[in-house]
Amino acid sequence: MADNYFEKHKDVFLNEAKAHIDRMNSSLLGFEKNPADDKLFHELFRSTHTLKGIAATMNYVEMSQLCHAVEDVLEALRGKRIGLANVADRLFESFDFMSSDLKAITGDDQEINAAQMIDRLDRLLKSEEWKEEEESGVLAQHLQKPEKLKSIEVNIERLDGLMKISEELLISRIKLELLREAINNPELTAAVDTLGRHITNMQYNIMQVRLVPIGFIFNRFPRMVRDLAKRQNKQVDLEIEGGAIELDRSLIDDLGESLMHLIRNAIDHGIEDPEERVKHGKNKTATIRLIAKRTKEHALIEVSDDGEGLDLEAIQNMAIKQKLISSGASRQEILNCIFRGISTTKDVSDISGRGMGLSIVKQQIDSIGGNIQVESEEGRGTRFRLTIPLTLAVINVLFVNVGEQIYAIPINQIDRLLTVTDEEIKGMIDYNAIPYGDSSIPLTHLAELFLLPTERLSSYPIVVVRRGEERLGLLVDRLLSTQEVVIKPLTRIVRESKYFSGSALIGSGDMVLILDVDHLFLTGRFKNEWGYTNAV
């Protein structure tokens, strides 16, 4: 019976314990900056005390005993028998140990022996004459005060299961809508419409449950910045904004790893030593800003520093040497080379490099349907702008015919639909173009790109897509309908083509490929049947 009890409550314990360790880290970080803030100290003590209790209840002895040793140090700290500067690093090490212990428990229930970590904490106190005091009345009130249950932890596999069910219901709804149009029965029409509304509401609520505050990622970094800056003998403040913005939990891991690369690069290579900063009239303490904002369908994330910036000339010289760009490349084209393996760093450290790390970041952001751009000013700093979809689950698309194939284009990346005549398609030196407003934009013939049969027509439908301020015309054979679809992952062979971001199952049972609009802007040049070079 006891084993069943522990197994039943193991997941709950792991989630609660992780939340307490995160809170202990953030409280100590804040208290380290502002030792006069009693509230932060009480939060630190309360989380430690609570974790000790729930670990003991679950018979996780190592965790419980380590929490007790941390409490001893905090008691000495509260009684001013020991200084914060003397114990902060050891406390952070203890929290790291607890996190490692949780991973071990997650795997096979076997804890890591905490004796050595406890001994290191005890040695901090041996030189001090102190005795344990009882908790203050204020702290005791905090510990005993019950809190209302406002949320519960849900196993991720259960959420994924619900999402799969909603996907199947969406496909069934599409089939019913086709049947409704064929039969044209009023009662059937009303029933299908009602069912459609319920399915849409269910999908919306499931997607809301899957959303995770981006602060879940951001909260990892204050501790990381503190430790890396200390190792580099640099002084760095991390400013965070927008942690309440929510993303689909499927995006969290890749985004977190990408942000980690960018922040580590900033500390290791972007930010100067304190003496160097003062010499150039800067504050000796550098600032990294991590800011999240939200648009209707995307999260906008900025990672910026006020360091020395990128060496544009060095990047250009190296990129030309590697034949990545020509001597006439624009400033932005030169900067974008840092995502293609270009590094101007002379000394590669164990923390980061501005070469392959940023290539990995670009690949990860592309893989989740996002976009990354870089801006830099020498001597003033560097800013990375990431555009991330709020969810990868359900999107609205426009279906188009290209040859005998049907493709889907995300509606949120469509700027306008046009029809152009053959005479309006102009052959430029490097690409085809069509008039657009007061200027012109490049044109891509999708049938030529995908090597599909096509015929010469007098006029062509054009889908104008956008990426930031850029515009690109996609020439298709026919515009079809718009529809809400569930994105499915691609097979390895299709994914290697890089022209597609996913696939969708439609009511007929056919699988349709979804165009990766961002990649179309980056694709190389090729000759089309008219002899022009198509720039995409």
Protein backbone atom coordinates (compact mmCIF):
# COMPACT_ATOMS: atom_id res chain seq x y z
CA MET A 1 0.00 0.00 0.00
CA ALA A 2 2.83 2.36 0.91
CA ASP A 3 4.58 1.73 -2.42
CA ASN A 4 1.36 2.52 -4.27
CA TYR A 5 1.01 5.75 -2.31
CA PHE A 6 4.53 6.92 -3.17
CA GLU A 7 4.18 5.96 -6.84
CA LYS A 8 0.83 7.72 -7.09
CA HIS A 9 2.20 10.97 -5.65
CA LYS A 10 5.67 10.87 -7.21
CA ASP A 11 4.81 13.14 -10.15
CA VAL A 12 3.13 15.64 -7.85
CA PHE A 13 6.22 15.68 -5.62
CA LEU A 14 8.59 16.17 -8.57
CA ASN A 15 6.59 19.12 -9.89
CA GLU A 16 6.28 20.77 -6.48
CA ALA A 17 9.94 20.17 -5.65
CA LYS A 18 11.10 21.72 -8.93
CA ALA A 19 8.91 24.78 -8.29
CA HIS A 20 10.41 25.19 -4.81
CA ILE A 21 14.00 24.86 -6.07
CA ASP A 22 13.29 27.45 -8.78
CA ARG A 23 11.86 29.76 -6.12
CA MET A 24 14.88 29.20 -3.86
CA ASN A 25 17.21 30.14 -6.71
CA SER A 26 15.30 33.30 -7.63
CA SER A 27 14.86 34.36 -3.98
CA LEU A 28 18.57 33.99 -3.22
CA LEU A 29 19.48 35.86 -6.41
CA GLY A 30 17.26 38.75 -5.33
CA PHE A 31 18.44 38.63 -1.72
CA GLU A 32 22.07 38.64 -2.86
CA LYS A 33 21.42 41.94 -4.65
CA ASN A 34 19.32 43.39 -1.82
CA PRO A 35 20.22 41.84 1.57
CA ALA A 36 17.84 44.24 3.33
CA ASP A 37 14.79 42.63 1.69
CA ASP A 38 13.35 40.43 4.45
CA LYS A 39 10.53 39.25 2.17
CA LEU A 40 12.98 37.54 -0.18
CA PHE A 41 14.72 35.86 2.75
CA HIS A 42 11.41 34.59 4.13
CA GLU A 43 10.48 33.21 0.69
CA LEU A 44 13.84 31.42 0.53
CA PHE A 45 13.44 29.97 4.01
CA ARG A 46 9.80 29.00 3.46
CA SER A 47 10.52 27.13 0.20
CA THR A 48 13.45 25.31 1.80
CA HIS A 49 11.35 24.33 4.81
CA THR A 50 8.44 23.16 2.65
CA LEU A 51 10.70 21.13 0.37
CA LYS A 52 12.26 19.48 3.40
CA GLY A 53 8.81 18.47 4.63
CA ILE A 54 7.47 17.02 1.37
CA ALA A 55 10.77 15.21 0.70
CA ALA A 56 10.60 13.62 4.15
CA THR A 57 6.98 12.61 3.56
CA MET A 58 8.02 10.83 0.36
CA ASN A 59 11.00 9.17 2.11
CA TYR A 60 13.56 11.03 0.02
CA VAL A 61 16.06 11.22 2.85
CA GLU A 62 19.01 12.81 1.02
CA MET A 63 16.87 15.70 -0.20
CA SER A 64 15.32 16.21 3.23
CA GLN A 65 18.67 16.18 5.07
CA LEU A 66 20.24 18.60 2.59
CA CYS A 67 17.30 20.99 3.03
CA HIS A 68 17.84 20.76 6.78
CA ALA A 69 21.53 21.67 6.35
CA VAL A 70 20.53 24.64 4.15
CA GLU A 71 18.09 25.73 6.87
CA ASP A 72 20.97 25.69 9.37
CA VAL A 73 22.98 28.01 7.15
CA LEU A 74 19.98 30.30 6.65
CA GLU A 75 19.43 30.45 10.44
CA ALA A 76 23.05 31.52 10.90
CA LEU A 77 22.59 34.06 8.12
CA ARG A 78 19.42 35.44 9.68
CA GLY A 79 21.18 35.74 13.06
CA LYS A 80 24.04 37.60 11.35
CA ARG A 81 26.50 34.97 12.57
CA ILE A 82 27.77 34.51 9.06
CA GLY A 83 27.97 36.78 6.01
CA LEU A 84 25.99 36.29 2.80
CA ALA A 85 29.13 36.65 0.67
CA ASN A 86 30.59 33.62 2.47
CA VAL A 87 27.66 31.29 1.82
CA ALA A 88 25.92 32.35 -1.42
CA ASP A 89 27.99 30.13 -3.72
CA ARG A 90 27.53 27.10 -1.43
CA LEU A 91 23.79 27.64 -1.28
CA PHE A 92 23.56 27.82 -5.06
CA GLU A 93 25.61 24.61 -5.28
CA SER A 94 23.14 23.01 -2.89
CA PHE A 95 20.22 24.01 -5.09
CA ASP A 96 22.03 22.56 -8.12
CA PHE A 97 22.54 19.33 -6.19
CA MET A 98 18.83 19.21 -5.39
CA SER A 99 18.00 19.61 -9.08
CA SER A 100 20.37 16.75 -9.93
CA ASP A 101 18.77 14.65 -7.20
CA LEU A 102 15.34 15.30 -8.74
CA LYS A 103 16.59 14.04 -12.11
CA ALA A 104 17.88 10.89 -10.45
CA ILE A 105 14.55 10.38 -8.67
CA THR A 106 12.72 10.90 -11.96
CA GLY A 107 14.74 8.11 -13.55
CA ASP A 108 14.83 5.28 -11.03
CA ASP A 109 13.95 6.60 -7.55
CA GLN A 110 17.58 6.25 -6.41
CA GLU A 111 18.80 9.45 -4.79
CA ILE A 112 22.32 10.88 -4.96
CA ASN A 113 24.25 10.68 -1.70
CA ALA A 114 24.23 14.20 -0.24
CA ALA A 115 26.79 13.62 2.54
CA GLN A 116 29.59 15.54 0.81
CA MET A 117 27.33 18.51 0.02
CA ILE A 118 26.01 18.57 3.58
CA ASP A 119 29.57 18.45 4.92
CA ARG A 120 30.52 21.46 2.78
CA LEU A 121 27.64 23.40 4.30
CA ASP A 122 28.55 22.31 7.83
CA ARG A 123 32.12 23.50 7.37
CA LEU A 124 30.81 27.00 6.68
CA LEU A 125 29.47 27.07 10.23
CA LYS A 126 32.24 25.38 12.21
CA SER A 127 34.24 28.54 12.60
CA GLU A 128 31.17 30.38 13.91
CA GLU A 129 29.74 30.12 17.44
CA TRP A 130 26.00 29.89 16.98
CA LYS A 131 23.11 27.81 18.07
CA GLU A 132 19.89 27.08 16.27
CA GLU A 133 17.08 29.40 17.22
CA GLU A 134 13.38 28.71 16.83
CA GLU A 135 11.65 30.21 13.84
CA SER A 136 10.39 33.73 14.35
CA GLY A 137 6.68 34.29 14.83
CA VAL A 138 6.42 35.99 11.44
CA LEU A 139 8.09 33.07 9.63
CA ALA A 140 5.94 30.54 11.48
CA GLN A 141 2.82 32.37 10.32
CA HIS A 142 4.01 32.15 6.73
CA LEU A 143 4.67 28.42 7.10
CA GLN A 144 1.29 27.66 8.62
CA LYS A 145 -0.80 29.86 6.38
CA PRO A 146 -2.85 27.64 4.02
CA GLU A 147 -3.10 28.55 0.37
CA LYS A 148 -6.08 27.99 -1.90
CA LEU A 149 -5.60 25.53 -4.74
CA LYS A 150 -5.61 27.61 -7.93
CA SER A 151 -3.94 25.21 -10.34
CA ILE A 152 -2.87 21.61 -10.72
CA GLU A 153 -0.02 19.93 -12.57
CA VAL A 154 -1.03 17.89 -15.62
CA ASN A 155 1.14 15.19 -17.15
CA ILE A 156 2.41 16.33 -20.58
CA GLU A 157 1.53 12.98 -22.17
CA ARG A 158 -2.12 13.53 -21.22
CA LEU A 159 -2.09 16.94 -22.90
CA ASP A 160 -0.57 15.42 -26.03
CA GLY A 161 -3.27 12.75 -25.97
CA LEU A 162 -6.01 15.38 -25.81
CA MET A 163 -4.38 17.26 -28.67
CA LYS A 164 -4.34 14.15 -30.85
CA ILE A 165 -8.04 13.56 -30.15
CA SER A 166 -8.83 17.16 -31.10
CA GLU A 167 -6.87 16.73 -34.34
CA GLU A 168 -8.94 13.67 -35.27
CA LEU A 169 -12.15 15.55 -34.44
CA LEU A 170 -11.07 18.43 -36.68
CA ILE A 171 -10.51 16.06 -39.59
CA SER A 172 -13.90 14.44 -38.92
CA ARG A 173 -15.51 17.90 -38.90
CA ILE A 174 -13.98 18.68 -42.30
CA LYS A 175 -15.39 15.41 -43.71
CA LEU A 176 -18.83 16.20 -42.28
CA GLU A 177 -18.73 19.68 -43.83
CA LEU A 178 -18.04 18.13 -47.24
CA LEU A 179 -20.93 15.70 -46.66
CA ARG A 180 -23.22 18.55 -45.61
CA GLU A 181 -22.54 20.40 -48.86
CA ALA A 182 -23.29 17.28 -50.88
CA ILE A 183 -26.55 16.37 -49.11
CA ASN A 184 -27.86 19.90 -48.40
CA ASN A 185 -30.13 18.85 -45.52
CA PRO A 186 -31.14 21.68 -43.09
CA GLU A 187 -31.04 19.47 -39.99
CA LEU A 188 -27.66 18.05 -40.95
CA THR A 189 -26.38 21.56 -41.65
CA ALA A 190 -27.48 22.79 -38.21
CA ALA A 191 -25.99 19.76 -36.45
CA VAL A 192 -22.65 20.07 -38.26
CA ASP A 193 -22.48 23.80 -37.51
CA THR A 194 -23.15 23.17 -33.80
CA LEU A 195 -20.61 20.36 -33.68
CA GLY A 196 -18.08 22.62 -35.43
CA ARG A 197 -18.48 25.33 -32.79
CA HIS A 198 -18.01 22.82 -29.98
CA ILE A 199 -14.90 21.33 -31.60
CA THR A 200 -13.45 24.81 -32.15
CA ASN A 201 -14.09 25.73 -28.49
CA MET A 202 -12.56 22.46 -27.31
CA GLN A 203 -9.45 23.01 -29.43
CA TYR A 204 -9.11 26.54 -28.13
CA ASN A 205 -9.29 25.40 -24.51
CA ILE A 206 -6.86 22.51 -25.05
CA MET A 207 -4.40 24.90 -26.67
CA GLN A 208 -4.81 27.30 -23.75
CA VAL A 209 -3.97 24.49 -21.32
CA ARG A 210 -0.84 23.72 -23.36
CA LEU A 211 0.40 27.29 -23.07
CA VAL A 212 3.31 27.90 -20.70
CA PRO A 213 4.50 31.35 -19.54
CA ILE A 214 7.75 32.25 -21.25
CA GLY A 215 8.97 33.16 -17.78
CA PHE A 216 9.36 29.41 -17.33
CA ILE A 217 12.36 29.77 -19.67
CA PHE A 218 13.47 33.22 -18.59
CA ASN A 219 13.74 32.20 -14.93
CA ARG A 220 16.58 29.84 -15.80
CA PHE A 221 18.89 32.65 -16.84
CA PRO A 222 19.50 34.99 -13.84
CA ARG A 223 21.43 32.25 -12.09
CA MET A 224 23.28 31.29 -15.28
CA VAL A 225 24.26 34.94 -15.94
CA ARG A 226 25.49 35.35 -12.37
CA ASP A 227 27.67 32.22 -12.52
CA LEU A 228 29.11 32.84 -16.01
CA ALA A 229 29.87 36.48 -15.30
CA LYS A 230 31.67 35.48 -12.11
CA ARG A 231 33.75 32.92 -14.00
CA GLN A 232 34.67 35.54 -16.60
CA ASN A 233 35.46 38.20 -13.94
CA LYS A 234 32.80 40.41 -15.52
CA GLN A 235 29.95 42.36 -14.00
CA VAL A 236 26.61 41.76 -15.73
CA ASP A 237 23.02 42.65 -14.90
CA LEU A 238 20.19 40.75 -16.57
CA GLU A 239 16.99 42.68 -17.15
CA ILE A 240 13.86 40.64 -17.95
CA GLU A 241 10.51 41.82 -19.28
CA GLY A 242 7.42 40.04 -20.57
CA GLY A 243 7.71 36.78 -18.66
CA ALA A 244 3.91 36.41 -18.54
CA ILE A 245 3.61 35.91 -22.32
CA GLU A 246 2.58 32.33 -23.06
CA LEU A 247 3.86 29.86 -25.67
CA ASP A 248 2.89 26.32 -26.63
CA ARG A 249 4.86 23.97 -24.42
CA SER A 250 6.18 22.14 -27.54
CA LEU A 251 8.28 25.25 -28.30
CA ILE A 252 9.80 25.66 -24.87
CA ASP A 253 12.82 23.35 -25.07
CA ASP A 254 14.16 24.53 -28.44
CA LEU A 255 13.57 28.18 -27.58
CA GLY A 256 15.23 27.80 -24.18
CA GLU A 257 18.34 26.26 -25.72
CA SER A 258 18.53 29.01 -28.34
CA LEU A 259 18.26 31.79 -25.76
CA MET A 260 20.91 30.08 -23.67
CA HIS A 261 23.34 30.17 -26.65
CA LEU A 262 22.66 33.86 -27.26
CA ILE A 263 23.14 34.86 -23.62
CA ARG A 264 26.30 32.79 -23.21
CA ASN A 265 27.72 34.36 -26.38
CA ALA A 266 26.94 37.83 -25.06
CA ILE A 267 28.77 37.19 -21.79
CA ASP A 268 31.73 35.36 -23.27
CA HIS A 269 32.39 37.41 -26.42
CA GLY A 270 30.12 40.43 -26.56
CA ILE A 271 30.68 42.04 -23.17
CA GLU A 272 34.04 43.59 -22.34
CA ASP A 273 36.00 43.30 -19.10
CA PRO A 274 35.05 45.97 -16.51
CA GLU A 275 38.34 47.83 -17.01
CA GLU A 276 37.86 47.89 -20.78
CA ARG A 277 34.32 49.22 -20.40
CA VAL A 278 35.42 52.03 -18.08
CA LYS A 279 38.21 52.93 -20.49
CA HIS A 280 35.61 53.45 -23.22
CA GLY A 281 33.33 55.53 -21.01
CA LYS A 282 30.88 52.76 -20.17
CA ASN A 283 29.50 51.60 -16.86
CA LYS A 284 31.69 48.76 -15.62
CA THR A 285 28.54 46.68 -15.11
CA ALA A 286 27.18 45.50 -18.46
CA THR A 287 23.50 44.93 -19.14
CA ILE A 288 21.84 42.08 -21.01
CA ARG A 289 18.16 42.59 -21.79
CA LEU A 290 15.77 39.72 -22.36
CA ILE A 291 12.43 41.10 -23.50
CA ALA A 292 9.29 39.34 -24.74
CA LYS A 293 6.33 40.98 -26.45
CA ARG A 294 3.27 39.57 -28.12
CA THR A 295 1.51 40.22 -31.40
CA LYS A 296 -1.68 38.48 -32.48
CA GLU A 297 -0.02 35.23 -33.54
CA HIS A 298 3.64 35.58 -32.60
CA ALA A 299 5.90 36.21 -29.64
CA LEU A 300 8.68 38.73 -30.29
CA ILE A 301 11.78 38.11 -28.18
CA GLU A 302 14.83 40.38 -28.01
CA VAL A 303 18.20 39.46 -26.55
CA SER A 304 20.47 42.50 -26.46
CA ASP A 305 23.70 43.55 -24.79
CA ASP A 306 25.61 46.81 -24.50
CA GLY A 307 28.96 45.21 -25.28
CA GLU A 308 31.47 45.84 -28.04
CA GLY A 309 29.24 44.76 -30.92
CA LEU A 310 30.13 42.66 -33.95
CA ASP A 311 33.20 43.39 -36.07
CA LEU A 312 31.48 43.89 -39.43
CA GLU A 313 34.72 44.19 -41.41
CA ALA A 314 36.17 40.99 -39.96
CA ILE A 315 32.93 39.10 -40.67
CA GLN A 316 32.86 40.41 -44.23
CA ASN A 317 36.47 39.46 -44.93
CA MET A 318 36.00 35.95 -43.59
CA ALA A 319 32.68 35.45 -45.40
CA ILE A 320 34.19 36.57 -48.72
CA LYS A 321 37.14 34.27 -48.14
CA GLN A 322 34.72 31.36 -47.63
CA LYS A 323 32.71 32.50 -50.70
CA LEU A 324 29.52 32.99 -48.71
CA ILE A 325 28.95 36.53 -50.00
CA SER A 326 30.29 38.86 -52.66
CA SER A 327 32.22 42.07 -52.03
CA GLY A 328 29.05 44.07 -52.76
CA ALA A 329 26.95 42.39 -50.05
CA SER A 330 24.70 44.61 -47.95
CA ARG A 331 25.28 45.23 -44.24
CA GLN A 332 22.46 42.85 -43.30
CA GLU A 333 23.80 40.10 -45.56
CA ILE A 334 27.17 40.43 -43.86
CA LEU A 335 25.65 40.26 -40.38
CA ASN A 336 23.60 37.20 -41.33
CA CYS A 337 26.83 35.31 -42.02
CA ILE A 338 27.21 34.72 -38.27
CA PHE A 339 24.37 32.20 -38.68
CA ARG A 340 26.37 30.33 -41.32
CA GLY A 341 29.37 29.30 -39.25
CA ILE A 342 31.39 32.54 -39.47
CA SER A 343 33.28 33.33 -36.28
CA THR A 344 35.74 36.16 -35.68
CA THR A 345 36.58 35.00 -32.16
CA LYS A 346 40.28 34.30 -31.81
CA ASP A 347 40.06 32.30 -28.58
CA VAL A 348 37.42 29.58 -28.37
CA SER A 349 36.31 29.11 -24.77
CA ASP A 350 34.45 26.27 -23.11
CA ILE A 351 31.41 28.54 -22.82
CA SER A 352 30.67 29.55 -26.38
CA GLY A 353 31.82 30.72 -29.76
CA ARG A 354 30.12 32.91 -32.34
CA GLY A 355 30.39 30.22 -34.98
CA MET A 356 28.54 26.92 -34.85
CA GLY A 357 26.54 27.98 -31.78
CA LEU A 358 24.66 30.60 -33.76
CA SER A 359 24.20 28.21 -36.68
CA ILE A 360 22.49 25.85 -34.26
CA VAL A 361 20.33 28.71 -32.96
CA LYS A 362 19.24 29.52 -36.52
CA GLN A 363 18.37 25.88 -37.22
CA GLN A 364 16.40 25.56 -33.99
CA ILE A 365 14.40 28.73 -34.55
CA ASP A 366 13.69 27.71 -38.16
CA SER A 367 12.56 24.26 -37.01
CA ILE A 368 9.78 25.73 -34.86
CA GLY A 369 8.57 28.05 -37.61
CA GLY A 370 10.32 31.13 -36.24
CA ASN A 371 12.70 33.75 -37.58
CA ILE A 372 15.84 35.38 -36.17
CA GLN A 373 17.48 38.66 -37.16
CA VAL A 374 20.57 40.42 -35.83
CA GLU A 375 21.49 44.08 -35.46
CA SER A 376 24.80 45.36 -34.17
CA GLU A 377 26.70 48.60 -33.75
CA GLU A 378 30.41 48.44 -33.07
CA GLY A 379 31.15 49.66 -29.56
CA ARG A 380 27.44 49.86 -28.66
CA GLY A 381 26.26 46.27 -28.57
CA THR A 382 24.27 43.58 -30.38
CA ARG A 383 20.57 42.77 -30.55
CA PHE A 384 18.95 39.52 -31.68
CA ARG A 385 15.24 39.61 -32.58
CA LEU A 386 13.33 36.33 -32.57
CA THR A 387 9.82 35.92 -33.98
CA ILE A 388 8.20 32.78 -32.59
CA PRO A 389 4.70 31.38 -33.32
CA LEU A 390 2.55 31.15 -30.19
CA THR A 391 1.50 27.63 -31.16
CA LEU A 392 2.41 25.04 -33.75
CA ALA A 393 -0.79 23.05 -33.41
CA VAL A 394 -3.52 24.67 -35.53
CA ILE A 395 -3.16 27.33 -38.25
CA ASN A 396 -5.22 28.82 -41.07
CA VAL A 397 -3.88 28.16 -44.57
CA LEU A 398 -4.64 28.96 -48.19
CA PHE A 399 -4.62 25.93 -50.50
CA VAL A 400 -3.14 26.44 -53.97
CA ASN A 401 -2.69 24.27 -57.03
CA VAL A 402 0.80 23.95 -58.47
CA GLY A 403 0.74 21.55 -61.40
CA GLU A 404 -1.30 18.58 -60.19
CA GLN A 405 -0.24 19.09 -56.57
CA ILE A 406 -1.97 20.97 -53.74
CA TYR A 407 0.13 22.98 -51.30
CA ALA A 408 -0.79 25.06 -48.25
CA ILE A 409 0.47 28.58 -47.47
CA PRO A 410 0.05 29.95 -43.90
CA ILE A 411 -2.41 32.84 -44.06
CA ASN A 412 -0.55 34.83 -41.40
CA GLN A 413 2.36 35.15 -43.86
CA ILE A 414 0.26 36.22 -46.87
CA ASP A 415 0.35 39.92 -47.67
CA ARG A 416 -1.91 40.06 -50.73
CA LEU A 417 -3.38 38.03 -53.62
CA LEU A 418 -2.79 39.33 -57.18
CA THR A 419 -3.28 38.37 -60.79
CA VAL A 420 -0.56 39.40 -63.23
CA THR A 421 -0.26 39.04 -67.00
CA ASP A 422 2.65 37.46 -68.79
CA GLU A 423 3.73 40.94 -69.97
CA GLU A 424 3.93 42.22 -66.38
CA ILE A 425 6.57 39.63 -65.44
CA LYS A 426 9.87 41.39 -65.97
CA GLY A 427 13.20 39.66 -66.35
CA MET A 428 15.74 41.51 -64.24
CA ILE A 429 19.50 40.84 -64.26
CA ASP A 430 19.31 38.32 -61.44
CA TYR A 431 15.63 37.50 -61.06
CA ASN A 432 12.07 37.80 -62.29
CA ALA A 433 9.98 40.60 -60.80
CA ILE A 434 6.43 41.89 -60.81
CA PRO A 435 5.10 45.39 -60.10
CA TYR A 436 3.99 45.90 -56.51
CA GLY A 437 2.81 49.32 -55.41
CA ASP A 438 5.38 51.93 -56.40
CA SER A 439 8.18 49.37 -56.82
CA SER A 440 8.62 45.71 -57.73
CA ILE A 441 9.22 42.45 -55.86
CA PRO A 442 11.00 39.20 -56.79
CA LEU A 443 8.86 36.41 -58.22
CA THR A 444 9.15 32.66 -57.71
CA HIS A 445 7.47 30.18 -60.05
CA LEU A 446 6.62 27.30 -57.68
CA ALA A 447 6.10 24.79 -60.50
CA GLU A 448 9.65 25.45 -61.71
CA LEU A 449 11.01 25.34 -58.19
CA PHE A 450 9.41 21.93 -57.51
CA LEU A 451 10.10 20.63 -61.06
CA LEU A 452 6.40 20.14 -61.79
CA PRO A 453 4.80 20.30 -65.26
CA THR A 454 3.18 23.63 -66.06
CA GLU A 455 1.77 25.52 -69.04
CA ARG A 456 2.25 29.05 -70.31
CA LEU A 457 -0.84 31.16 -69.52
CA SER A 458 -1.89 34.71 -70.33
CA SER A 459 -2.32 35.56 -66.63
CA TYR A 460 -1.23 34.02 -63.36
CA PRO A 461 -2.49 34.12 -59.77
CA ILE A 462 0.20 35.42 -57.40
CA VAL A 463 0.37 34.95 -53.64
CA VAL A 464 2.48 37.76 -52.14
CA VAL A 465 4.08 36.55 -48.91
CA ARG A 466 6.00 38.54 -46.34
CA ARG A 467 8.93 38.16 -43.97
CA GLY A 468 9.38 41.29 -41.89
CA GLU A 469 9.62 44.16 -44.37
CA GLU A 470 10.46 41.86 -47.31
CA ARG A 471 7.90 40.75 -49.91
CA LEU A 472 8.02 37.87 -52.39
CA GLY A 473 5.56 36.81 -55.10
CA LEU A 474 4.71 33.11 -55.43
CA LEU A 475 3.34 32.19 -58.88
CA VAL A 476 0.80 29.35 -58.65
CA ASP A 477 -1.62 27.73 -61.10
CA ARG A 478 -4.84 28.19 -59.12
CA LEU A 479 -6.07 29.57 -55.81
CA LEU A 480 -8.31 27.18 -53.87
CA SER A 481 -9.96 27.55 -50.45
CA THR A 482 -8.84 28.62 -46.98
CA GLN A 483 -9.09 26.20 -44.10
CA GLU A 484 -7.99 25.58 -40.53
CA VAL A 485 -5.56 22.64 -40.37
CA VAL A 486 -3.55 20.75 -37.78
CA ILE A 487 0.19 20.72 -38.48
CA LYS A 488 1.79 17.30 -38.64
CA PRO A 489 5.57 16.68 -38.53
CA LEU A 490 7.40 15.90 -41.76
CA THR A 491 9.16 12.67 -42.63
CA ARG A 492 12.96 12.87 -42.67
CA ILE A 493 13.18 12.80 -46.48
CA VAL A 494 10.68 15.64 -46.96
CA ARG A 495 12.23 17.66 -44.12
CA GLU A 496 15.62 17.61 -45.88
CA SER A 497 14.17 19.59 -48.82
CA LYS A 498 13.66 22.58 -46.45
CA TYR A 499 10.87 23.99 -48.63
CA PHE A 500 8.19 22.75 -46.21
CA SER A 501 7.49 23.42 -42.54
CA GLY A 502 4.94 20.66 -41.98
CA SER A 503 2.04 18.74 -43.44
CA ALA A 504 -1.71 18.65 -42.93
CA LEU A 505 -4.34 15.96 -43.39
CA ILE A 506 -7.43 17.28 -45.20
CA GLY A 507 -10.97 15.96 -45.29
CA SER A 508 -10.36 13.79 -48.38
CA GLY A 509 -7.71 11.92 -46.42
CA ASP A 510 -4.85 13.35 -48.53
CA MET A 511 -1.71 14.79 -46.96
CA VAL A 512 -0.84 18.34 -48.08
CA LEU A 513 2.58 19.95 -47.60
CA ILE A 514 2.76 23.38 -45.93
CA LEU A 515 5.24 25.80 -47.52
CA ASP A 516 8.05 27.18 -45.36
CA VAL A 517 7.73 30.81 -46.45
CA ASP A 518 10.82 31.99 -44.53
CA HIS A 519 13.00 29.44 -46.28
CA LEU A 520 11.70 30.51 -49.71
CA PHE A 521 13.22 33.93 -49.03
CA LEU A 522 16.59 32.26 -48.44
CA THR A 523 16.60 29.74 -51.28
CA GLY A 524 19.30 29.93 -53.93
CA ARG A 525 18.90 31.18 -57.53
CA PHE A 526 17.90 29.08 -60.52
CA LYS A 527 17.02 29.53 -64.19
CA ASN A 528 13.41 29.26 -65.26
CA GLU A 529 11.89 28.25 -68.59
CA TRP A 530 11.97 31.83 -69.88
CA GLY A 531 15.72 32.05 -69.34
CA TYR A 532 15.53 34.45 -66.41
CA THR A 533 17.13 33.81 -63.06
CA ASN A 534 14.59 33.53 -60.28
CA ALA A 535 15.71 35.04 -56.98
CA VAL A 536 13.93 33.73 -53.98
